Amino acid sequence: MNTKSGRILLASATSLIAFAYAGAAHAQAFYLQEQSVRGQGRAFSGEAADTGVDSLWWNPASIADLQGGEASVRASFIRPRGDVVDNGTVIVRPGRPAAPVGGDPRAQNPINNGILPSGAVAYGFGKVAVGLAVTAPYSFTTDYDADSWARYSADKTKLRTFDIQPSVAVAVTDWLRVGAAANIEHVDASLGNYLPNLSPLLPDGHQNLKGKGWDVGWSAGVQIHEGPVTLGFAYKSAIKHKLDGTVTIEGLQGPLAGQNAVINARAQFSTPWQAIAGVRAQLSPKLTFNGQIVRMGWSEFDTIDIGAPLNTAIPENYRNTWTWAMGLDYDVTPQWTVRTGFQRGQTPTQNGNRDARVPDSNRWNFSAGTSYAMSKAFTIDAAASYITFKDASIDRITAAYAGTPVQTPVITNGTLENASALVFSLGARMAF
């Protein structure tokens, strides 16, 4: 490979990895919060202050008062909807004037439906309890058509994380509980986008990345129980992920035909930290108020660092965000509880840096749910949510073969419109 060809190949691969861990979910960017059906019913308010295995993801101190065992299994069906619309995106090929990018100007529902499972188990030994939660907190799938106007920044994308959280908690006093946990995460990513050939008369090329890796973070929390009020505070660390994989480039023709290749690549990025504060206050024997505020450290996802042979850093420029929620639990009978709540969430994506792989925006989450105790040892949970997203610009300028003589800018001008999501969840809790 000559020097010029090598620069073009590496620039092509880098443009793919720049999008490697972006995605649109309905919590924030590519974070999914469906780790509890009970929590979803009140829009994830008060989870850091609640007790039992359903709150283990948010606060490892939640299991400290268990006497015996408890387990929970759940599944959420997520149905996102929305349009990603072209408002005049242009491509500038070398030696040619800017021209419309072409393709279908409206991508309908590019984010796929999905089913998100999770579960947890814990056992208390006097004042000490141990637990294990298995979740998928950062996951999504998008699928743009091959003729979409957004094809140069997004095609087919899949990201899956599996988080295994072993936890230990201690009831220090009758009012103070503390807990700590490790977060062992596996990432499996597969994503692609199209590459423009130098001549508009030639069909597009294509590139695809696949990678996997295991990494570890931690969580810690405390709960204060005083009369009818419980306060919970927790922190989940950022996790620096390292993925080993390959980049496959194919379909380039003409002067770029020599760039078709398969190369090994390593990418490094960080998921955000979370600082969580929750409260539960029993307003009457039947009615409980819940509140929660979460600060998410999305600025950890500021760059994607690419190792040899690419050796570069891709800016992402995510910002730290706030999420807040309020909700109510009402015990209709000793066996039957109903819930409702709402949540406001900020997007970490910023104007000028939002692309079609992350059609994300600020949102409202409106939720309702119920629980019914079939017996003292078995409870069924159900919840439903409607999330509405604010229209937002898709405006991140990208470039194929960046930094080479054949650099090909794509000046993006698009909009996320009419976006929403429905989430339906079912779960069961068992005591043993």
Protein backbone atom coordinates (compact mmCIF):
# COMPACT_ATOMS: atom_id res chain seq x y z
CA MET A 1 0.00 0.00 0.00
CA ASN A 2 1.48 3.36 -0.98
CA THR A 3 1.40 6.32 1.39
CA LYS A 4 -1.44 8.14 -0.37
CA SER A 5 -3.60 5.01 -0.55
CA GLY A 6 -2.91 4.25 3.09
CA ARG A 7 -4.05 7.73 4.17
CA ILE A 8 -7.29 7.37 2.22
CA LEU A 9 -7.99 3.91 3.64
CA LEU A 10 -7.37 5.00 7.21
CA ALA A 11 -9.45 8.15 6.76
CA SER A 12 -12.28 6.05 5.37
CA ALA A 13 -12.16 3.65 8.33
CA THR A 14 -11.92 6.51 10.81
CA SER A 15 -15.08 8.08 9.43
CA LEU A 16 -16.92 4.86 10.28
CA ILE A 17 -15.57 4.45 13.79
CA ALA A 18 -16.52 8.05 14.53
CA PHE A 19 -20.11 6.85 14.69
CA ALA A 20 -19.41 3.59 16.47
CA TYR A 21 -21.23 4.11 19.73
CA ALA A 22 -23.89 6.63 18.92
CA GLY A 23 -27.53 5.72 18.93
CA ALA A 24 -31.03 6.93 19.59
CA ALA A 25 -32.90 5.46 22.47
CA HIS A 26 -35.65 7.01 24.51
CA ALA A 27 -33.87 7.66 27.83
CA GLN A 28 -30.81 9.69 26.80
CA ALA A 29 -28.81 9.12 23.62
CA PHE A 30 -28.06 5.36 23.71
CA TYR A 31 -28.96 4.77 27.40
CA LEU A 32 -31.98 2.57 28.22
CA GLN A 33 -33.44 2.83 31.72
CA GLU A 34 -35.91 -0.07 31.63
CA GLN A 35 -34.34 -2.01 34.52
CA SER A 36 -37.55 -2.18 36.60
CA VAL A 37 -41.22 -2.55 35.65
CA ARG A 38 -42.22 -1.18 39.05
CA GLY A 39 -39.98 1.83 38.45
CA GLN A 40 -41.29 2.40 34.93
CA GLY A 41 -44.85 2.65 36.26
CA ARG A 42 -43.91 5.86 38.11
CA ALA A 43 -41.52 7.13 35.36
CA PHE A 44 -38.40 6.03 37.27
CA SER A 45 -38.96 8.35 40.22
CA GLY A 46 -37.67 7.31 43.65
CA GLU A 47 -35.71 4.25 42.50
CA ALA A 48 -32.59 5.21 44.48
CA ALA A 49 -34.73 5.35 47.65
CA ASP A 50 -36.85 2.22 47.16
CA THR A 51 -35.97 -1.21 48.54
CA GLY A 52 -35.65 -4.66 47.00
CA VAL A 53 -34.11 -6.16 43.87
CA ASP A 54 -36.06 -3.92 41.47
CA SER A 55 -33.98 -0.95 42.64
CA LEU A 56 -30.63 -2.77 42.65
CA TRP A 57 -29.44 -1.20 39.36
CA TRP A 58 -29.91 2.33 40.74
CA ASN A 59 -28.67 1.77 44.30
CA PRO A 60 -26.88 -1.33 45.67
CA ALA A 61 -27.99 -0.30 49.18
CA SER A 62 -31.59 -1.16 48.23
CA ILE A 63 -31.24 -4.82 49.27
CA ALA A 64 -29.74 -4.21 52.73
CA ASP A 65 -33.00 -4.85 54.62
CA LEU A 66 -33.84 -8.17 52.92
CA GLN A 67 -34.68 -11.07 55.19
CA GLY A 68 -34.44 -14.10 52.96
CA GLY A 69 -34.38 -14.06 49.18
CA GLU A 70 -36.00 -12.04 46.40
CA ALA A 71 -35.81 -12.33 42.61
CA SER A 72 -37.22 -10.34 39.72
CA VAL A 73 -37.45 -10.96 35.97
CA ARG A 74 -38.74 -8.45 33.40
CA ALA A 75 -39.02 -7.69 29.71
CA SER A 76 -39.81 -4.40 27.95
CA PHE A 77 -41.09 -3.98 24.39
CA ILE A 78 -39.90 -0.65 22.94
CA ARG A 79 -41.62 0.81 19.88
CA PRO A 80 -39.93 4.05 18.67
CA ARG A 81 -41.37 6.17 15.87
CA GLY A 82 -40.21 9.28 14.02
CA ASP A 83 -38.98 10.76 10.76
CA VAL A 84 -35.46 11.88 9.89
CA VAL A 85 -35.96 14.38 7.07
CA ASP A 86 -33.56 15.97 4.56
CA ASN A 87 -33.84 19.76 4.25
CA GLY A 88 -31.14 20.27 1.63
CA THR A 89 -28.05 18.19 2.46
CA VAL A 90 -25.27 18.54 -0.13
CA ILE A 91 -22.12 16.61 -0.99
CA VAL A 92 -18.95 18.24 -2.31
CA ARG A 93 -16.87 15.82 -4.39
CA PRO A 94 -13.29 16.81 -5.28
CA GLY A 95 -13.23 19.18 -8.25
CA ARG A 96 -17.02 19.34 -8.46
CA PRO A 97 -19.55 21.90 -7.22
CA ALA A 98 -21.78 21.10 -4.27
CA ALA A 99 -24.71 18.90 -5.30
CA PRO A 100 -27.76 17.47 -3.50
CA VAL A 101 -26.89 14.28 -1.68
CA GLY A 102 -29.81 12.53 -3.35
CA GLY A 103 -31.72 9.52 -2.08
CA ASP A 104 -35.02 9.21 -0.27
CA PRO A 105 -35.46 12.53 1.60
CA ARG A 106 -37.53 11.03 4.44
CA ALA A 107 -36.40 8.11 6.60
CA GLN A 108 -39.40 6.78 8.51
CA ASN A 109 -38.92 4.95 11.80
CA PRO A 110 -35.18 4.21 11.38
CA ILE A 111 -34.87 3.03 15.00
CA ASN A 112 -35.97 -0.59 15.25
CA ASN A 113 -38.44 -2.03 17.70
CA GLY A 114 -36.76 -4.02 20.43
CA ILE A 115 -37.25 -6.26 23.45
CA LEU A 116 -35.11 -5.50 26.49
CA PRO A 117 -34.84 -8.23 29.17
CA SER A 118 -33.40 -7.77 32.65
CA GLY A 119 -33.40 -9.48 36.01
CA ALA A 120 -32.02 -9.48 39.55
CA VAL A 121 -31.72 -11.74 42.58
CA ALA A 122 -30.65 -11.05 46.17
CA TYR A 123 -30.48 -12.78 49.56
CA GLY A 124 -30.25 -11.25 53.01
CA PHE A 125 -28.28 -12.73 55.91
CA GLY A 126 -29.25 -10.65 58.93
CA LYS A 127 -27.73 -7.21 58.39
CA VAL A 128 -25.83 -8.20 55.23
CA ALA A 129 -27.26 -8.93 51.79
CA VAL A 130 -25.73 -9.95 48.48
CA GLY A 131 -27.29 -9.51 45.07
CA LEU A 132 -26.80 -9.83 41.33
CA ALA A 133 -28.45 -7.73 38.59
CA VAL A 134 -28.18 -8.46 34.86
CA THR A 135 -29.21 -5.60 32.57
CA ALA A 136 -28.63 -4.10 29.09
CA PRO A 137 -28.30 -0.36 29.79
CA TYR A 138 -26.72 0.79 26.50
CA SER A 139 -28.40 -0.88 23.53
CA PHE A 140 -30.07 0.08 20.25
CA THR A 141 -30.59 -0.88 16.62
CA THR A 142 -31.06 1.50 13.69
CA ASP A 143 -31.68 0.62 10.05
CA TYR A 144 -31.59 3.20 7.26
CA ASP A 145 -32.37 2.11 3.70
CA ALA A 146 -29.53 1.91 1.18
CA ASP A 147 -31.03 4.85 -0.75
CA SER A 148 -31.63 7.08 2.30
CA TRP A 149 -30.32 10.64 2.23
CA ALA A 150 -28.56 9.81 5.53
CA ARG A 151 -26.63 6.82 4.13
CA TYR A 152 -23.18 8.45 4.36
CA SER A 153 -23.44 8.86 8.14
CA ALA A 154 -25.70 5.94 9.08
CA ASP A 155 -26.79 2.63 7.62
CA LYS A 156 -27.41 -0.45 9.77
CA THR A 157 -26.26 -0.21 13.38
CA LYS A 158 -26.45 -2.57 16.34
CA LEU A 159 -25.07 -1.94 19.82
CA ARG A 160 -25.57 -4.36 22.71
CA THR A 161 -24.22 -4.05 26.23
CA PHE A 162 -24.70 -6.63 28.96
CA ASP A 163 -24.08 -5.41 32.49
CA ILE A 164 -23.49 -7.93 35.29
CA GLN A 165 -23.68 -6.21 38.67
CA PRO A 166 -22.69 -8.26 41.76
CA SER A 167 -23.58 -6.25 44.88
CA VAL A 168 -23.23 -6.28 48.64
CA ALA A 169 -25.19 -4.17 51.13
CA VAL A 170 -25.13 -3.66 54.89
CA ALA A 171 -27.75 -2.32 57.31
CA VAL A 172 -25.37 -0.26 59.46
CA THR A 173 -28.15 0.90 61.81
CA ASP A 174 -31.95 0.68 61.78
CA TRP A 175 -32.00 3.84 59.63
CA LEU A 176 -28.77 3.68 57.55
CA ARG A 177 -28.00 1.27 54.72
CA VAL A 178 -24.92 1.26 52.47
CA GLY A 179 -24.03 -0.77 49.40
CA ALA A 180 -21.38 -1.26 46.74
CA ALA A 181 -21.19 -3.14 43.44
CA ALA A 182 -19.03 -3.93 40.45
CA ASN A 183 -20.37 -3.37 36.95
CA ILE A 184 -18.92 -5.89 34.51
CA GLU A 185 -19.96 -4.89 31.00
CA HIS A 186 -19.68 -6.61 27.66
CA VAL A 187 -20.08 -4.56 24.46
CA ASP A 188 -20.91 -6.03 21.04
CA ALA A 189 -21.14 -3.50 18.19
CA SER A 190 -21.87 -3.83 14.50
CA LEU A 191 -22.45 -0.77 12.32
CA GLY A 192 -22.07 0.51 8.82
CA ASN A 193 -22.45 3.43 6.46
CA TYR A 194 -22.01 4.08 2.76
CA LEU A 195 -19.03 5.76 1.10
CA PRO A 196 -19.33 8.03 -1.93
CA ASN A 197 -17.29 7.15 -4.99
CA LEU A 198 -15.48 10.11 -6.55
CA SER A 199 -17.83 10.10 -9.53
CA PRO A 200 -21.57 10.49 -8.89
CA LEU A 201 -22.10 8.09 -11.79
CA LEU A 202 -20.61 5.21 -9.78
CA PRO A 203 -22.55 3.36 -7.06
CA ASP A 204 -21.65 3.95 -3.44
CA GLY A 205 -19.12 1.85 -1.59
CA HIS A 206 -19.78 0.55 1.90
CA GLN A 207 -17.94 0.11 5.18
CA ASN A 208 -18.78 -1.88 8.28
CA LEU A 209 -17.26 -2.24 11.74
CA LYS A 210 -17.64 -5.13 14.15
CA GLY A 211 -16.08 -5.22 17.62
CA LYS A 212 -16.42 -6.67 21.10
CA GLY A 213 -14.92 -6.16 24.54
CA TRP A 214 -15.27 -6.60 28.34
CA ASP A 215 -14.63 -3.80 30.86
CA VAL A 216 -15.43 -3.00 34.51
CA GLY A 217 -16.87 -0.08 36.48
CA TRP A 218 -18.45 0.30 39.92
CA SER A 219 -21.50 1.56 41.82
CA ALA A 220 -22.02 2.72 45.41
CA GLY A 221 -25.00 3.99 47.36
CA VAL A 222 -26.58 4.87 50.67
CA GLN A 223 -30.16 5.01 51.96
CA ILE A 224 -31.49 6.90 54.97
CA HIS A 225 -34.79 5.67 56.42
CA GLU A 226 -36.43 8.08 58.85
CA GLY A 227 -40.12 7.70 59.66
CA PRO A 228 -42.29 8.03 56.54
CA VAL A 229 -39.40 9.40 54.43
CA THR A 230 -36.56 7.52 52.73
CA LEU A 231 -33.66 9.23 50.97
CA GLY A 232 -31.35 7.46 48.55
CA PHE A 233 -28.08 8.59 47.00
CA ALA A 234 -26.01 6.59 44.53
CA TYR A 235 -23.15 6.94 42.07
CA LYS A 236 -22.42 4.77 39.04
CA SER A 237 -18.98 5.22 37.52
CA ALA A 238 -18.16 5.83 33.90
CA ILE A 239 -16.79 2.74 32.16
CA LYS A 240 -13.94 3.04 29.66
CA HIS A 241 -14.60 0.46 26.95
CA LYS A 242 -11.98 -1.02 24.63
CA LEU A 243 -13.25 -2.83 21.57
CA ASP A 244 -11.21 -5.09 19.30
CA GLY A 245 -12.63 -5.70 15.87
CA THR A 246 -12.39 -5.19 12.12
CA VAL A 247 -13.36 -2.58 9.54
CA THR A 248 -14.49 -3.91 6.15
CA ILE A 249 -14.48 -1.53 3.15
CA GLU A 250 -15.96 -2.74 -0.13
CA GLY A 251 -17.64 -1.59 -3.34
CA LEU A 252 -15.39 1.40 -4.09
CA GLN A 253 -14.64 1.81 -7.77
CA GLY A 254 -12.46 3.90 -10.07
CA PRO A 255 -9.46 5.59 -8.38
CA LEU A 256 -10.68 4.39 -4.96
CA ALA A 257 -10.94 0.69 -5.85
CA GLY A 258 -7.63 -0.03 -4.14
CA GLN A 259 -9.10 1.01 -0.79
CA ASN A 260 -11.35 -2.05 -0.51
CA ALA A 261 -9.89 -4.02 2.38
CA VAL A 262 -10.39 -5.56 5.80
CA ILE A 263 -8.28 -4.04 8.58
CA ASN A 264 -8.01 -4.69 12.30
CA ALA A 265 -8.96 -1.77 14.55
CA ARG A 266 -9.32 -0.93 18.24
CA ALA A 267 -11.61 1.80 19.57
CA GLN A 268 -11.82 3.25 23.08
CA PHE A 269 -14.72 5.26 24.50
CA SER A 270 -16.47 5.90 27.82
CA THR A 271 -20.08 5.52 28.87
CA PRO A 272 -21.34 8.23 31.27
CA TRP A 273 -21.23 8.32 35.05
CA GLN A 274 -24.49 8.83 36.95
CA ALA A 275 -25.13 10.71 40.21
CA ILE A 276 -28.60 9.80 41.49
CA ALA A 277 -30.71 11.27 44.32
CA GLY A 278 -34.14 9.85 45.15
CA VAL A 279 -36.85 10.30 47.77
CA ARG A 280 -39.93 8.36 48.85
CA ALA A 281 -42.40 9.93 51.27
CA GLN A 282 -45.49 8.15 52.59
CA LEU A 283 -48.21 10.82 52.48
CA SER A 284 -50.90 8.53 53.90
CA PRO A 285 -51.25 4.80 54.68
CA LYS A 286 -52.07 4.22 50.98
CA LEU A 287 -50.29 7.01 49.07
CA THR A 288 -46.52 7.40 48.53
CA PHE A 289 -44.78 10.25 46.71
CA ASN A 290 -41.60 9.53 44.69
CA GLY A 291 -39.01 11.91 43.28
CA GLN A 292 -35.66 11.50 41.59
CA ILE A 293 -32.93 13.65 40.00
CA VAL A 294 -30.12 12.17 37.89
CA ARG A 295 -27.02 13.96 36.66
CA MET A 296 -25.41 12.04 33.79
CA GLY A 297 -21.77 12.63 32.92
CA TRP A 298 -22.10 12.36 29.15
CA SER A 299 -19.05 14.60 28.74
CA GLU A 300 -17.10 11.35 29.26
CA PHE A 301 -18.20 10.58 25.70
CA ASP A 302 -16.22 13.53 24.35
CA THR A 303 -14.06 11.58 21.92
CA ILE A 304 -13.61 8.13 20.46
CA ASP A 305 -9.93 7.27 20.58
CA ILE A 306 -8.70 5.07 17.77
CA GLY A 307 -5.57 2.98 18.20
CA ALA A 308 -3.11 1.62 15.64
CA PRO A 309 -3.10 1.70 12.70
CA LEU A 310 -5.52 4.67 12.71
CA ASN A 311 -4.11 6.54 15.76
CA THR A 312 -6.56 9.40 15.98
CA ALA A 313 -9.31 10.85 18.21
CA ILE A 314 -12.79 11.63 16.92
CA PRO A 315 -14.66 14.44 18.74
CA GLU A 316 -18.23 13.70 19.86
CA ASN A 317 -18.81 16.74 22.11
CA TYR A 318 -21.58 15.28 24.28
CA ARG A 319 -22.70 17.43 27.23
CA ASN A 320 -23.64 16.51 30.80
CA THR A 321 -27.39 16.35 31.33
CA TRP A 322 -30.15 16.37 33.95
CA THR A 323 -33.17 14.10 34.27
CA TRP A 324 -35.86 14.62 36.88
CA ALA A 325 -39.02 12.67 37.65
CA MET A 326 -41.99 12.61 40.02
CA GLY A 327 -44.54 9.87 40.63
CA LEU A 328 -47.08 8.31 42.98
CA ASP A 329 -47.80 4.82 44.31
CA TYR A 330 -51.35 4.15 45.55
CA ASP A 331 -52.32 0.95 47.37
CA VAL A 332 -55.88 0.26 46.24
CA THR A 333 -55.92 -2.87 48.39
CA PRO A 334 -53.18 -4.68 50.34
CA GLN A 335 -52.61 -6.81 47.20
CA TRP A 336 -53.11 -4.22 44.44
CA THR A 337 -50.99 -1.09 43.80
CA VAL A 338 -51.33 1.43 40.96
CA ARG A 339 -48.69 3.96 39.89
CA THR A 340 -48.20 6.96 37.67
CA GLY A 341 -45.46 9.50 37.02
CA PHE A 342 -43.71 11.75 34.54
CA GLN A 343 -40.09 12.40 33.68
CA ARG A 344 -38.22 15.19 31.90
CA GLY A 345 -34.94 14.32 30.19
CA GLN A 346 -32.30 16.35 28.37
CA THR A 347 -30.39 15.06 25.37
CA PRO A 348 -26.58 15.03 25.56
CA THR A 349 -26.36 15.78 21.82
CA GLN A 350 -25.83 19.41 20.85
CA ASN A 351 -26.89 21.54 17.90
CA GLY A 352 -24.17 21.47 15.27
CA ASN A 353 -23.02 18.01 16.42
CA ARG A 354 -26.16 15.89 15.93
CA ASP A 355 -26.12 13.30 13.16
CA ALA A 356 -28.58 10.81 11.71
CA ARG A 357 -27.20 7.97 13.82
CA VAL A 358 -28.19 9.96 16.92
CA PRO A 359 -31.55 11.57 16.10
CA ASP A 360 -31.94 12.42 19.79
CA SER A 361 -33.63 15.36 21.52
CA ASN A 362 -35.19 16.51 24.80
CA ARG A 363 -38.19 14.47 25.83
CA TRP A 364 -41.11 13.97 28.23
CA ASN A 365 -41.97 10.52 29.58
CA PHE A 366 -45.53 9.84 30.84
CA SER A 367 -46.01 6.48 32.56
CA ALA A 368 -48.51 4.33 34.42
CA GLY A 369 -48.27 0.91 36.00
CA THR A 370 -49.66 -1.60 38.44
CA SER A 371 -48.64 -4.49 40.69
CA TYR A 372 -50.76 -7.34 41.97
CA ALA A 373 -49.62 -9.75 44.70
CA MET A 374 -50.89 -13.18 43.71
CA SER A 375 -49.58 -14.43 47.06
CA LYS A 376 -47.13 -13.34 49.73
CA ALA A 377 -44.33 -14.77 47.61
CA PHE A 378 -45.35 -13.82 44.04
CA THR A 379 -46.17 -10.42 42.49
CA ILE A 380 -46.93 -9.47 38.87
CA ASP A 381 -45.87 -6.01 37.60
CA ALA A 382 -46.99 -4.21 34.43
CA ALA A 383 -46.25 -0.74 33.05
CA ALA A 384 -46.71 1.42 29.97
CA SER A 385 -44.99 4.65 28.90
CA TYR A 386 -45.46 7.24 26.19
CA ILE A 387 -42.37 9.34 25.39
CA THR A 388 -42.57 12.41 23.19
CA PHE A 389 -39.47 14.05 21.66
CA LYS A 390 -38.93 17.65 20.64
CA ASP A 391 -38.18 18.25 16.95
CA ALA A 392 -34.43 18.81 16.53
CA SER A 393 -31.89 19.59 13.83
CA ILE A 394 -29.70 16.91 12.20
CA ASP A 395 -26.74 19.12 11.36
CA ARG A 396 -23.37 17.50 11.90
CA ILE A 397 -21.02 18.07 8.94
CA THR A 398 -19.12 14.92 8.04
CA ALA A 399 -16.47 14.06 5.46
CA ALA A 400 -15.48 10.87 3.73
CA TYR A 401 -11.70 10.38 3.35
CA ALA A 402 -11.08 13.30 5.75
CA GLY A 403 -7.63 14.87 5.61
CA THR A 404 -6.75 13.41 2.19
CA PRO A 405 -6.67 14.94 -1.33
CA VAL A 406 -10.04 13.28 -2.05
CA GLN A 407 -11.79 14.55 1.08
CA THR A 408 -15.54 14.61 0.35
CA PRO A 409 -17.58 16.76 2.76
CA VAL A 410 -21.26 16.06 3.38
CA ILE A 411 -22.94 19.25 4.64
CA THR A 412 -25.88 17.87 6.58
CA ASN A 413 -29.16 19.76 6.84
CA GLY A 414 -31.93 17.65 8.28
CA THR A 415 -34.54 17.43 11.04
CA LEU A 416 -35.90 14.90 13.49
CA GLU A 417 -39.69 15.21 13.31
CA ASN A 418 -42.75 13.67 14.99
CA ALA A 419 -40.64 11.40 17.23
CA SER A 420 -42.19 9.34 20.01
CA ALA A 421 -41.90 5.95 21.67
CA LEU A 422 -44.21 3.48 23.37
CA VAL A 423 -42.86 1.10 25.99
CA PHE A 424 -44.81 -1.85 27.41
CA SER A 425 -43.28 -3.93 30.19
CA LEU A 426 -44.17 -7.02 32.18
CA GLY A 427 -42.37 -8.52 35.14
CA ALA A 428 -42.62 -10.80 38.12
CA ARG A 429 -41.14 -10.65 41.63
CA MET A 430 -40.67 -13.68 43.83
CA ALA A 431 -39.73 -14.07 47.49
CA PHE A 432 -38.03 -17.24 48.72
